[in-house]
C-alpha atoms as a PDB file:
ATOM      1  CA  MET A   1    -123.288 184.867 117.283  1.00  0.00           C
ATOM      2  CA  ASP A   2    -124.233 184.626 113.609  1.00  0.00           C
ATOM      3  CA  THR A   3    -123.529 187.406 111.121  1.00  0.00           C
ATOM      4  CA  GLY A   4    -127.142 188.640 111.007  1.00  0.00           C
ATOM      5  CA  THR A   5    -127.293 189.076 114.777  1.00  0.00           C
ATOM      6  CA  HIS A   6    -123.999 190.970 114.831  1.00  0.00           C
ATOM      7  CA  VAL A   7    -125.348 193.294 112.110  1.00  0.00           C
ATOM      8  CA  VAL A   8    -128.505 194.194 114.042  1.00  0.00           C
ATOM      9  CA  MET A   9    -126.460 194.605 117.220  1.00  0.00           C
ATOM     10  CA  GLY A  10    -124.224 197.078 115.398  1.00  0.00           C
ATOM     11  CA  LEU A  11    -127.290 199.038 114.272  1.00  0.00           C
ATOM     12  CA  ALA A  12    -128.665 198.940 117.812  1.00  0.00           C
ATOM     13  CA  LEU A  13    -125.417 200.278 119.245  1.00  0.00           C
ATOM     14  CA  GLY A  14    -125.463 203.063 116.649  1.00  0.00           C
ATOM     15  CA  GLY A  15    -128.971 203.870 117.860  1.00  0.00           C
ATOM     16  CA  ILE A  16    -127.914 203.949 121.511  1.00  0.00           C
ATOM     17  CA  ALA A  17    -125.047 206.276 120.540  1.00  0.00           C
ATOM     18  CA  THR A  18    -127.638 208.965 119.738  1.00  0.00           C
ATOM     19  CA  LEU A  19    -127.963 209.414 123.516  1.00  0.00           C
ATOM     20  CA  ASP A  20    -124.390 210.704 123.510  1.00  0.00           C
ATOM     21  CA  PRO A  21    -124.692 214.535 123.269  1.00  0.00           C
ATOM     22  CA  VAL A  22    -121.464 214.777 121.258  1.00  0.00           C
ATOM     23  CA  VAL A  23    -122.839 212.323 118.710  1.00  0.00           C
ATOM     24  CA  ALA A  24    -126.299 213.874 118.638  1.00  0.00           C
ATOM     25  CA  GLU A  25    -125.066 217.409 117.883  1.00  0.00           C
ATOM     26  CA  SER A  26    -122.927 216.480 114.873  1.00  0.00           C
ATOM     27  CA  SER A  27    -124.185 214.740 111.755  1.00  0.00           C
ATOM     28  CA  ALA A  28    -120.603 213.854 110.783  1.00  0.00           C
ATOM     29  CA  THR A  29    -119.984 212.235 114.159  1.00  0.00           C
ATOM     30  CA  ALA A  30    -123.350 210.446 114.114  1.00  0.00           C
ATOM     31  CA  THR A  31    -122.810 209.036 110.618  1.00  0.00           C
ATOM     32  CA  SER A  32    -119.226 207.948 111.284  1.00  0.00           C
ATOM     33  CA  VAL A  33    -120.254 206.374 114.609  1.00  0.00           C
ATOM     34  CA  MET A  34    -122.974 204.374 112.892  1.00  0.00           C
ATOM     35  CA  ILE A  35    -120.466 203.128 110.312  1.00  0.00           C
ATOM     36  CA  GLY A  36    -117.937 202.356 113.039  1.00  0.00           C
ATOM     37  CA  ALA A  37    -120.545 200.481 115.088  1.00  0.00           C
ATOM     38  CA  ILE A  38    -121.667 198.341 112.143  1.00  0.00           C
ATOM     39  CA  VAL A  39    -118.130 197.547 110.960  1.00  0.00           C
ATOM     40  CA  GLY A  40    -116.892 197.030 114.520  1.00  0.00           C
ATOM     41  CA  SER A  41    -119.706 194.569 115.181  1.00  0.00           C
ATOM     42  CA  GLN A  42    -118.480 192.460 112.238  1.00  0.00           C
ATOM     43  CA  ILE A  43    -114.731 192.805 111.987  1.00  0.00           C
ATOM     44  CA  PRO A  44    -113.645 190.161 114.555  1.00  0.00           C
ATOM     45  CA  ASP A  45    -115.240 187.556 112.272  1.00  0.00           C
ATOM     46  CA  ILE A  46    -112.949 188.513 109.402  1.00  0.00           C
ATOM     47  CA  ASP A  47    -111.196 185.210 110.106  1.00  0.00           C
ATOM     48  CA  THR A  48    -114.157 183.503 108.412  1.00  0.00           C
ATOM     49  CA  VAL A  49    -112.183 183.948 105.163  1.00  0.00           C
ATOM     50  CA  LEU A  50    -109.903 181.163 106.438  1.00  0.00           C
ATOM     51  CA  LYS A  51    -112.667 178.767 105.398  1.00  0.00           C
ATOM     52  CA  LEU A  52    -111.575 179.465 101.820  1.00  0.00           C
ATOM     53  CA  ARG A  53    -108.298 177.722 102.577  1.00  0.00           C
ATOM     54  CA  ASN A  54    -109.619 174.631 104.337  1.00  0.00           C
ATOM     55  CA  ASN A  55    -111.648 173.558 107.361  1.00  0.00           C
ATOM     56  CA  ALA A  56    -108.561 172.637 109.386  1.00  0.00           C
ATOM     57  CA  VAL A  57    -107.172 176.183 109.307  1.00  0.00           C
ATOM     58  CA  TYR A  58    -110.636 177.609 109.991  1.00  0.00           C
ATOM     59  CA  ILE A  59    -111.311 175.347 112.991  1.00  0.00           C
ATOM     60  CA  ARG A  60    -107.923 176.078 114.535  1.00  0.00           C
ATOM     61  CA  ASN A  61    -108.144 179.848 114.145  1.00  0.00           C
ATOM     62  CA  HIS A  62    -111.787 180.978 114.048  1.00  0.00           C
ATOM     63  CA  ARG A  63    -112.574 183.163 117.063  1.00  0.00           C
ATOM     64  CA  GLY A  64    -108.943 182.908 118.063  1.00  0.00           C
ATOM     65  CA  ILE A  65    -106.519 185.793 117.657  1.00  0.00           C
ATOM     66  CA  THR A  66    -109.138 188.020 116.000  1.00  0.00           C
ATOM     67  CA  HIS A  67    -111.155 187.881 119.241  1.00  0.00           C
ATOM     68  CA  SER A  68    -108.178 188.314 121.566  1.00  0.00           C
ATOM     69  CA  ILE A  69    -107.463 191.237 123.896  1.00  0.00           C
ATOM     70  CA  PRO A  70    -104.892 192.838 121.525  1.00  0.00           C
ATOM     71  CA  ALA A  71    -107.349 192.496 118.635  1.00  0.00           C
ATOM     72  CA  VAL A  72    -110.149 194.170 120.603  1.00  0.00           C
ATOM     73  CA  LEU A  73    -107.787 197.114 121.154  1.00  0.00           C
ATOM     74  CA  LEU A  74    -106.427 197.250 117.597  1.00  0.00           C
ATOM     75  CA  TRP A  75    -109.601 196.721 115.531  1.00  0.00           C
ATOM     76  CA  PRO A  76    -111.129 200.100 116.506  1.00  0.00           C
ATOM     77  CA  LEU A  77    -107.900 201.884 115.522  1.00  0.00           C
ATOM     78  CA  ALA A  78    -107.880 200.115 112.156  1.00  0.00           C
ATOM     79  CA  ILE A  79    -111.515 201.108 111.541  1.00  0.00           C
ATOM     80  CA  LEU A  80    -110.809 204.720 112.528  1.00  0.00           C
ATOM     81  CA  ALA A  81    -107.868 204.847 110.113  1.00  0.00           C
ATOM     82  CA  VAL A  82    -110.293 204.097 107.279  1.00  0.00           C
ATOM     83  CA  VAL A  83    -113.440 205.935 108.409  1.00  0.00           C
ATOM     84  CA  TYR A  84    -112.094 209.155 109.938  1.00  0.00           C
ATOM     85  CA  PRO A  85    -110.530 210.603 106.724  1.00  0.00           C
ATOM     86  CA  PHE A  86    -114.041 210.627 105.215  1.00  0.00           C
ATOM     87  CA  PHE A  87    -115.419 212.514 108.253  1.00  0.00           C
ATOM     88  CA  PRO A  88    -112.617 214.828 109.403  1.00  0.00           C
ATOM     89  CA  SER A  89    -115.049 217.011 111.361  1.00  0.00           C
ATOM     90  CA  ALA A  90    -116.245 214.070 113.465  1.00  0.00           C
ATOM     91  CA  ASN A  91    -115.263 213.861 117.113  1.00  0.00           C
ATOM     92  CA  LEU A  92    -112.386 211.378 117.044  1.00  0.00           C
ATOM     93  CA  LEU A  93    -112.604 210.365 120.704  1.00  0.00           C
ATOM     94  CA  HIS A  94    -116.309 209.519 120.583  1.00  0.00           C
ATOM     95  CA  LEU A  95    -115.926 207.770 117.232  1.00  0.00           C
ATOM     96  CA  TRP A  96    -113.245 205.567 118.794  1.00  0.00           C
ATOM     97  CA  LEU A  97    -115.336 204.973 121.922  1.00  0.00           C
ATOM     98  CA  TRP A  98    -118.438 203.686 120.116  1.00  0.00           C
ATOM     99  CA  THR A  99    -116.386 201.675 117.633  1.00  0.00           C
ATOM    100  CA  PHE A 100    -114.507 200.075 120.517  1.00  0.00           C
ATOM    101  CA  LEU A 101    -117.807 199.237 122.242  1.00  0.00           C
ATOM    102  CA  ALA A 102    -119.018 197.545 119.048  1.00  0.00           C
ATOM    103  CA  VAL A 103    -115.898 195.370 118.807  1.00  0.00           C
ATOM    104  CA  PHE A 104    -115.993 194.569 122.521  1.00  0.00           C
ATOM    105  CA  LEU A 105    -119.693 193.671 122.387  1.00  0.00           C
ATOM    106  CA  HIS A 106    -119.074 191.277 119.483  1.00  0.00           C
ATOM    107  CA  VAL A 107    -116.409 189.356 121.409  1.00  0.00           C
ATOM    108  CA  PHE A 108    -118.358 189.507 124.671  1.00  0.00           C
ATOM    109  CA  VAL A 109    -121.564 187.966 123.302  1.00  0.00           C
ATOM    110  CA  ASP A 110    -119.598 185.240 121.505  1.00  0.00           C
ATOM    111  CA  ILE A 111    -118.393 184.023 124.893  1.00  0.00           C
ATOM    112  CA  PHE A 112    -121.934 182.888 125.696  1.00  0.00           C
ATOM    113  CA  ASN A 113    -122.078 180.441 122.753  1.00  0.00           C
ATOM    114  CA  ALA A 114    -121.061 176.785 122.948  1.00  0.00           C
ATOM    115  CA  TYR A 115    -118.253 177.457 120.451  1.00  0.00           C
ATOM    116  CA  GLY A 116    -116.728 180.226 122.552  1.00  0.00           C
ATOM    117  CA  THR A 117    -113.675 182.389 121.863  1.00  0.00           C
ATOM    118  CA  GLN A 118    -110.052 182.724 122.903  1.00  0.00           C
ATOM    119  CA  ALA A 119    -110.919 186.096 124.396  1.00  0.00           C
ATOM    120  CA  LEU A 120    -108.211 185.857 127.080  1.00  0.00           C
ATOM    121  CA  ARG A 121    -105.289 185.627 124.664  1.00  0.00           C
ATOM    122  CA  PRO A 122    -102.396 186.322 125.045  1.00  0.00           C
ATOM    123  CA  PHE A 123    -102.749 185.547 128.767  1.00  0.00           C
ATOM    124  CA  SER A 124    -104.482 182.225 128.122  1.00  0.00           C
ATOM    125  CA  SER A 125    -105.215 180.181 125.008  1.00  0.00           C
ATOM    126  CA  LYS A 126    -108.170 178.515 126.751  1.00  0.00           C
ATOM    127  CA  TRP A 127    -111.491 178.640 124.922  1.00  0.00           C
ATOM    128  CA  VAL A 128    -114.058 180.583 126.944  1.00  0.00           C
ATOM    129  CA  ALA A 129    -117.500 179.124 126.153  1.00  0.00           C
ATOM    130  CA  LEU A 130    -120.389 179.501 128.585  1.00  0.00           C
ATOM    131  CA  GLY A 131    -122.830 177.634 126.341  1.00  0.00           C
ATOM    132  CA  ILE A 132    -126.088 179.376 127.234  1.00  0.00           C
ATOM    133  CA  ILE A 133    -126.963 181.101 123.938  1.00  0.00           C
ATOM    134  CA  ASN A 134    -127.200 179.375 120.560  1.00  0.00           C
ATOM    135  CA  THR A 135    -125.113 180.800 117.729  1.00  0.00           C
ATOM    136  CA  PHE A 136    -128.405 182.015 116.274  1.00  0.00           C
ATOM    137  CA  ASP A 137    -130.946 182.867 118.932  1.00  0.00           C
ATOM    138  CA  PRO A 138    -134.385 183.714 117.462  1.00  0.00           C
ATOM    139  CA  PHE A 139    -135.403 185.799 120.465  1.00  0.00           C
ATOM    140  CA  ILE A 140    -132.276 187.981 120.470  1.00  0.00           C
ATOM    141  CA  PHE A 141    -132.376 188.480 116.711  1.00  0.00           C
ATOM    142  CA  GLY A 142    -136.132 189.048 116.679  1.00  0.00           C
ATOM    143  CA  ILE A 143    -136.176 191.642 119.449  1.00  0.00           C
ATOM    144  CA  HIS A 144    -133.431 193.585 117.651  1.00  0.00           C
ATOM    145  CA  VAL A 145    -135.441 193.549 114.428  1.00  0.00           C
ATOM    146  CA  ALA A 146    -138.514 194.687 116.360  1.00  0.00           C
ATOM    147  CA  GLY A 147    -136.470 197.554 117.781  1.00  0.00           C
ATOM    148  CA  LEU A 148    -135.358 198.591 114.305  1.00  0.00           C
ATOM    149  CA  PHE A 149    -138.988 198.675 113.150  1.00  0.00           C
ATOM    150  CA  ILE A 150    -139.980 200.751 116.189  1.00  0.00           C
ATOM    151  CA  TRP A 151    -137.109 203.122 115.349  1.00  0.00           C
ATOM    152  CA  ALA A 152    -138.279 203.333 111.724  1.00  0.00           C
ATOM    153  CA  PHE A 153    -141.754 204.358 112.919  1.00  0.00           C
ATOM    154  CA  GLY A 154    -140.337 207.332 114.799  1.00  0.00           C
ATOM    155  CA  ALA A 155    -139.396 206.141 118.285  1.00  0.00           C
ATOM    156  CA  HIS A 156    -136.147 207.362 119.818  1.00  0.00           C
ATOM    157  CA  PRO A 157    -133.511 204.694 119.001  1.00  0.00           C
ATOM    158  CA  GLY A 158    -131.460 205.276 122.129  1.00  0.00           C
ATOM    159  CA  TYR A 159    -134.237 204.714 124.632  1.00  0.00           C
ATOM    160  CA  THR A 160    -135.768 201.953 122.505  1.00  0.00           C
ATOM    161  CA  PHE A 161    -132.616 199.867 122.501  1.00  0.00           C
ATOM    162  CA  LEU A 162    -131.780 200.592 126.127  1.00  0.00           C
ATOM    163  CA  ILE A 163    -135.120 199.012 127.025  1.00  0.00           C
ATOM    164  CA  ILE A 164    -134.474 196.119 124.626  1.00  0.00           C
ATOM    165  CA  TYR A 165    -131.021 195.491 126.100  1.00  0.00           C
ATOM    166  CA  GLY A 166    -132.544 195.479 129.580  1.00  0.00           C
ATOM    167  CA  ILE A 167    -134.920 192.753 128.392  1.00  0.00           C
ATOM    168  CA  ILE A 168    -132.028 190.825 126.827  1.00  0.00           C
ATOM    169  CA  PHE A 169    -130.096 191.038 130.102  1.00  0.00           C
ATOM    170  CA  ILE A 170    -133.020 189.390 131.901  1.00  0.00           C
ATOM    171  CA  TYR A 171    -133.182 186.807 129.098  1.00  0.00           C
ATOM    172  CA  TYR A 172    -129.534 185.909 129.679  1.00  0.00           C
ATOM    173  CA  LEU A 173    -130.208 185.415 133.386  1.00  0.00           C
ATOM    174  CA  LEU A 174    -133.101 183.091 132.544  1.00  0.00           C
ATOM    175  CA  ARG A 175    -130.827 181.125 130.197  1.00  0.00           C
ATOM    176  CA  PHE A 176    -128.224 180.750 132.944  1.00  0.00           C
ATOM    177  CA  ALA A 177    -130.904 179.474 135.317  1.00  0.00           C
ATOM    178  CA  ALA A 178    -132.268 177.035 132.710  1.00  0.00           C
ATOM    179  CA  GLN A 179    -128.800 175.642 132.000  1.00  0.00           C
ATOM    180  CA  ARG A 180    -128.122 175.247 135.711  1.00  0.00           C
ATOM    181  CA  SER A 181    -131.381 173.320 136.102  1.00  0.00           C
ATOM    182  CA  VAL A 182    -130.338 170.904 133.342  1.00  0.00           C
ATOM    183  CA  LEU A 183    -126.870 170.552 134.879  1.00  0.00           C
ATOM    184  CA  ASN A 184    -128.341 169.583 138.239  1.00  0.00           C
ATOM    185  CA  ALA A 185    -130.638 167.035 136.570  1.00  0.00           C
ATOM    186  CA  VAL A 186    -127.667 165.459 134.768  1.00  0.00           C
ATOM    187  CA  LYS A 187    -125.698 165.209 138.025  1.00  0.00           C
ATOM    188  CA  VAL A 188    -128.584 163.335 139.616  1.00  0.00           C
ATOM    189  CA  MET A 189    -128.929 160.994 136.621  1.00  0.00           C
ATOM    190  CA  ILE A 190    -125.173 160.363 136.195  1.00  0.00           C
ATOM    191  CA  PRO A 191    -123.590 160.950 139.614  1.00  0.00           C
ATOM    192  CA  ASP A 192    -120.153 159.727 138.531  1.00  0.00           C
ATOM    193  CA  ALA A 193    -119.912 162.215 135.630  1.00  0.00           C
ATOM    194  CA  THR A 194    -116.433 163.684 135.247  1.00  0.00           C
ATOM    195  CA  GLU A 195    -117.360 166.273 132.606  1.00  0.00           C
ATOM    196  CA  ILE A 196    -120.735 167.633 131.543  1.00  0.00           C
ATOM    197  CA  ILE A 197    -121.270 169.706 128.401  1.00  0.00           C
ATOM    198  CA  ILE A 198    -124.655 171.374 127.985  1.00  0.00           C
ATOM    199  CA  ALA A 199    -125.129 173.198 124.688  1.00  0.00           C
ATOM    200  CA  PRO A 200    -128.077 175.382 123.699  1.00  0.00           C
ATOM    201  CA  THR A 201    -130.335 174.920 120.694  1.00  0.00           C
ATOM    202  CA  MET A 202    -132.558 177.460 118.955  1.00  0.00           C
ATOM    203  CA  ARG A 203    -135.427 176.397 121.227  1.00  0.00           C
ATOM    204  CA  PHE A 204    -135.465 177.994 124.660  1.00  0.00           C
ATOM    205  CA  ASN A 205    -136.200 174.835 126.652  1.00  0.00           C
ATOM    206  CA  GLN A 206    -134.160 172.318 124.640  1.00  0.00           C
ATOM    207  CA  TRP A 207    -130.485 171.531 125.203  1.00  0.00           C
ATOM    208  CA  ARG A 208    -127.888 169.114 123.849  1.00  0.00           C
ATOM    209  CA  VAL A 209    -126.148 167.079 126.531  1.00  0.00           C
ATOM    210  CA  ALA A 210    -122.806 165.258 126.350  1.00  0.00           C
ATOM    211  CA  VAL A 211    -121.409 163.609 129.466  1.00  0.00           C
ATOM    212  CA  MET A 212    -118.211 161.775 130.288  1.00  0.00           C
ATOM    213  CA  SER A 213    -117.775 159.385 133.180  1.00  0.00           C
ATOM    214  CA  ARG A 214    -114.723 157.268 133.863  1.00  0.00           C
ATOM    215  CA  GLN A 215    -116.144 154.375 131.864  1.00  0.00           C
ATOM    216  CA  GLN A 216    -118.680 155.793 129.399  1.00  0.00           C
ATOM    217  CA  PHE A 217    -119.906 158.598 127.156  1.00  0.00           C
ATOM    218  CA  PHE A 218    -123.553 159.624 127.354  1.00  0.00           C
ATOM    219  CA  VAL A 219    -125.313 161.679 124.695  1.00  0.00           C
ATOM    220  CA  GLY A 220    -128.756 163.092 125.282  1.00  0.00           C
ATOM    221  CA  ARG A 221    -131.274 165.888 125.008  1.00  0.00           C
ATOM    222  CA  ALA A 222    -132.940 167.907 127.698  1.00  0.00           C
ATOM    223  CA  VAL A 223    -136.353 169.521 127.553  1.00  0.00           C
ATOM    224  CA  LYS A 224    -136.563 171.970 130.447  1.00  0.00           C
ATOM    225  CA  ASN A 225    -134.881 169.941 133.210  1.00  0.00           C
ATOM    226  CA  HIS A 226    -135.975 166.529 131.934  1.00  0.00           C
ATOM    227  CA  VAL A 227    -132.929 164.730 130.525  1.00  0.00           C
ATOM    228  CA  ARG A 228    -133.195 161.778 128.161  1.00  0.00           C
ATOM    229  CA  ILE A 229    -130.117 159.720 127.251  1.00  0.00           C
ATOM    230  CA  LEU A 230    -130.190 158.843 123.544  1.00  0.00           C
ATOM    231  CA  ASP A 231    -126.828 157.114 123.068  1.00  0.00           C
ATOM    232  CA  GLN A 232    -124.320 155.496 125.355  1.00  0.00           C
ATOM    233  CA  PHE A 233    -120.765 154.422 124.443  1.00  0.00           C
ATOM    234  CA  ASN A 234    -118.017 152.698 126.351  1.00  0.00           C
ATOM    235  CA  ARG A 235    -115.123 155.065 126.841  1.00  0.00           C
ATOM    236  CA  VAL A 236    -112.133 153.419 125.177  1.00  0.00           C
ATOM    237  CA  PRO A 237    -108.817 155.309 125.351  1.00  0.00           C
ATOM    238  CA  VAL A 238    -107.256 156.150 122.009  1.00  0.00           C
ATOM    239  CA  PRO A 239    -104.519 153.528 121.535  1.00  0.00           C
ATOM    240  CA  GLU A 240    -100.978 154.457 120.547  1.00  0.00           C
ATOM    241  CA  THR A 241    -100.899 152.202 117.505  1.00  0.00           C
ATOM    242  CA  PRO A 242     -98.817 152.977 114.392  1.00  0.00           C
ATOM    243  CA  VAL A 243    -102.006 153.661 112.401  1.00  0.00           C
ATOM    244  CA  ILE A 244    -103.427 156.101 114.955  1.00  0.00           C
ATOM    245  CA  GLU A 245    -100.099 157.844 115.493  1.00  0.00           C
ATOM    246  CA  ALA A 246     -99.645 158.292 111.738  1.00  0.00           C
ATOM    247  CA  ALA A 247    -103.197 159.641 111.386  1.00  0.00           C
ATOM    248  CA  LYS A 248    -102.632 162.193 114.165  1.00  0.00           C
ATOM    249  CA  LYS A 249     -99.996 163.870 111.998  1.00  0.00           C
ATOM    250  CA  ASP A 250    -102.714 164.887 109.570  1.00  0.00           C
ATOM    251  CA  LYS A 251    -103.686 168.563 109.756  1.00  0.00           C
ATOM    252  CA  ASN A 252    -107.428 167.844 109.636  1.00  0.00           C
ATOM    253  CA  LEU A 253    -107.389 165.363 112.503  1.00  0.00           C
ATOM    254  CA  SER A 254    -105.014 167.573 114.472  1.00  0.00           C
ATOM    255  CA  ALA A 255    -107.431 170.514 114.079  1.00  0.00           C
ATOM    256  CA  PHE A 256    -110.364 168.329 115.159  1.00  0.00           C
ATOM    257  CA  LEU A 257    -108.562 167.187 118.306  1.00  0.00           C
ATOM    258  CA  SER A 258    -107.689 170.782 119.204  1.00  0.00           C
ATOM    259  CA  PHE A 259    -111.368 171.717 119.020  1.00  0.00           C
ATOM    260  CA  SER A 260    -113.376 168.737 120.236  1.00  0.00           C
ATOM    261  CA  PRO A 261    -113.400 167.794 123.940  1.00  0.00           C
ATOM    262  CA  VAL A 262    -115.786 164.812 123.681  1.00  0.00           C
ATOM    263  CA  TYR A 263    -115.333 162.250 120.920  1.00  0.00           C
ATOM    264  CA  ARG A 264    -115.100 158.570 120.113  1.00  0.00           C
ATOM    265  CA  TRP A 265    -112.880 156.929 117.533  1.00  0.00           C
ATOM    266  CA  GLU A 266    -112.968 154.112 114.988  1.00  0.00           C
ATOM    267  CA  VAL A 267    -110.329 152.376 112.859  1.00  0.00           C
ATOM    268  CA  ASP A 268    -111.422 150.351 109.837  1.00  0.00           C
ATOM    269  CA  GLU A 269    -109.052 148.170 107.818  1.00  0.00           C
ATOM    270  CA  TYR A 270    -109.689 147.543 104.116  1.00  0.00           C
ATOM    271  CA  ASP A 271    -107.796 145.639 101.436  1.00  0.00           C
ATOM    272  CA  ASP A 272    -105.450 148.463 100.535  1.00  0.00           C
ATOM    273  CA  TYR A 273    -105.985 151.211 103.101  1.00  0.00           C
ATOM    274  CA  TYR A 274    -106.882 152.108 106.672  1.00  0.00           C
ATOM    275  CA  GLU A 275    -109.540 154.605 107.677  1.00  0.00           C
ATOM    276  CA  VAL A 276    -109.356 156.424 111.010  1.00  0.00           C
ATOM    277  CA  ARG A 277    -112.458 158.324 112.104  1.00  0.00           C
ATOM    278  CA  PHE A 278    -112.988 160.601 115.106  1.00  0.00           C
ATOM    279  CA  ILE A 279    -116.579 161.603 115.890  1.00  0.00           C
ATOM    280  CA  ASP A 280    -117.597 164.606 117.987  1.00  0.00           C
ATOM    281  CA  LEU A 281    -120.400 163.607 120.357  1.00  0.00           C
ATOM    282  CA  ARG A 282    -121.730 167.096 121.070  1.00  0.00           C
ATOM    283  CA  TYR A 283    -123.780 167.590 117.912  1.00  0.00           C
ATOM    284  CA  ARG A 284    -126.127 164.627 117.587  1.00  0.00           C
ATOM    285  CA  SER A 285    -128.793 165.371 114.977  1.00  0.00           C
ATOM    286  CA  ASN A 286    -131.520 162.895 113.969  1.00  0.00           C
ATOM    287  CA  GLY A 287    -129.460 159.980 115.225  1.00  0.00           C
ATOM    288  CA  HIS A 288    -126.387 161.148 113.308  1.00  0.00           C
ATOM    289  CA  TYR A 289    -123.117 162.735 114.470  1.00  0.00           C
ATOM    290  CA  PRO A 290    -122.228 165.163 111.677  1.00  0.00           C
ATOM    291  CA  PHE A 291    -118.986 166.695 112.944  1.00  0.00           C
ATOM    292  CA  VAL A 292    -116.126 164.300 112.157  1.00  0.00           C
ATOM    293  CA  ALA A 293    -112.491 163.962 111.184  1.00  0.00           C
ATOM    294  CA  VAL A 294    -111.542 161.158 108.804  1.00  0.00           C
ATOM    295  CA  VAL A 295    -108.064 160.139 107.663  1.00  0.00           C
ATOM    296  CA  GLN A 296    -107.255 157.483 105.064  1.00  0.00           C
ATOM    297  CA  LEU A 297    -103.812 155.914 104.992  1.00  0.00           C
ATOM    298  CA  ASP A 298    -102.261 153.371 102.662  1.00  0.00           C
ATOM    299  CA  ARG A 299    -100.611 150.155 103.842  1.00  0.00           C
ATOM    300  CA  GLU A 300     -97.329 152.017 104.379  1.00  0.00           C
ATOM    301  CA  LEU A 301     -99.207 154.492 106.625  1.00  0.00           C
ATOM    302  CA  ASN A 302     -98.877 157.366 104.205  1.00  0.00           C
ATOM    303  CA  ILE A 303    -101.832 159.779 104.412  1.00  0.00           C
ATOM    304  CA  GLN A 304    -103.844 159.567 101.189  1.00  0.00           C
ATOM    305  CA  SER A 305    -106.805 161.828 101.986  1.00  0.00           C
ATOM    306  CA  SER A 306    -108.515 163.434 104.953  1.00  0.00           C
ATOM    307  CA  TYR A 307    -111.369 165.685 105.917  1.00  0.00           C
ATOM    308  CA  THR A 308    -112.775 167.435 108.957  1.00  0.00           C
ATOM    309  CA  GLY A 309    -116.058 169.290 109.197  1.00  0.00           C
ATOM    310  CA  TRP A 310    -119.802 168.816 109.026  1.00  0.00           C
ATOM    311  CA  ILE A 311    -121.033 165.826 107.032  1.00  0.00           C
ATOM    312  CA  PHE A 312    -124.679 164.729 107.065  1.00  0.00           C
ATOM    313  CA  SER A 313    -124.412 161.642 104.853  1.00  0.00           C
ATOM    314  CA  GLU A 314    -121.851 158.938 104.180  1.00  0.00           C
ATOM    315  CA  GLU A 315    -122.103 159.586 100.437  1.00  0.00           C
ATOM    316  CA  LYS A 316    -121.047 163.206 100.841  1.00  0.00           C
ATOM    317  CA  LEU A 317    -118.146 162.130 103.025  1.00  0.00           C
ATOM    318  CA  ARG A 318    -116.977 159.705 100.340  1.00  0.00           C
ATOM    319  CA  LYS A 319    -117.122 162.484  97.778  1.00  0.00           C
ATOM    320  CA  LYS A 320    -115.021 164.675 100.037  1.00  0.00           C
ATOM    321  CA  LEU A 321    -112.464 161.899 100.317  1.00  0.00           C
ATOM    322  CA  ASP A 322    -112.529 161.312  96.553  1.00  0.00           C
ATOM    323  CA  ILE A 323    -113.093 157.559  96.726  1.00  0.00           C
ATOM    324  CA  LEU A 324    -116.457 157.251  94.969  1.00  0.00           C
ATOM    325  CA  PRO A 325    -116.252 155.598  91.549  1.00  0.00           C
ATOM    326  CA  GLY A 326    -115.752 158.252  88.888  1.00  0.00           C
END
């Protein structure tokens, strides 16, 4: 989920913690638990700082080891090591418990996004992504904010957020059912599909659809269970040419290929360089595919420049690759 949603979820968990008698009877415990819940709801995303290095490192590692099983166990201990000295009279066991729940909840809800996490590491490096909740879901964020307002006007935070989380649980079930309905519609439309990716959007009834068959890629949108194919591409295997093989050694393209399961490729030859482009088909927006990896190589197949990430115009891509005049 996005940072804002994790923040309000941390506040909500701190509110639910007031139902714990040990927390309720001690102001030191209650305050430290609230801090632990807020920090714990954020700390797995500390790997966002990798974006300061470059997109390749970020793509390879975001929601990786920081969301793994060892991390879920270690983050609460790290938070306690900082918070507890300021609240030595707090109940250490209950502070750990609620901080652990905050960290666990962060990783758990991220599993339901299309991006997913490597939550099963070190037992498996597979990305777990159920794809039923958008990274920012207006309903989930909004109902948390509503709960905070209700709390501010004097309602009991524990009972308030227990009710809200019951509603959210039902919402998740409805999202699962909606995704399943779209999946069944796609199977009817493209019976020879070998892989179907259905990704949520911010709108409840709208989904992104990317499908692979043995011969083609299909890209579409679904409104409720009505699927419309917007683009269709022949599925051409990536050739093992010297240009492609040299481009694959680039860190940006390598990161893209580790992340993207559905893509097409292009190779353009110019007077003094080659350009290799891989295009993720999952994120079509206004007729454009913004998530790409581009590698430029000279005639001797030396990598001259490269980029991977979100680009919404060709001009911006050229600026990233430093080939615009001036």
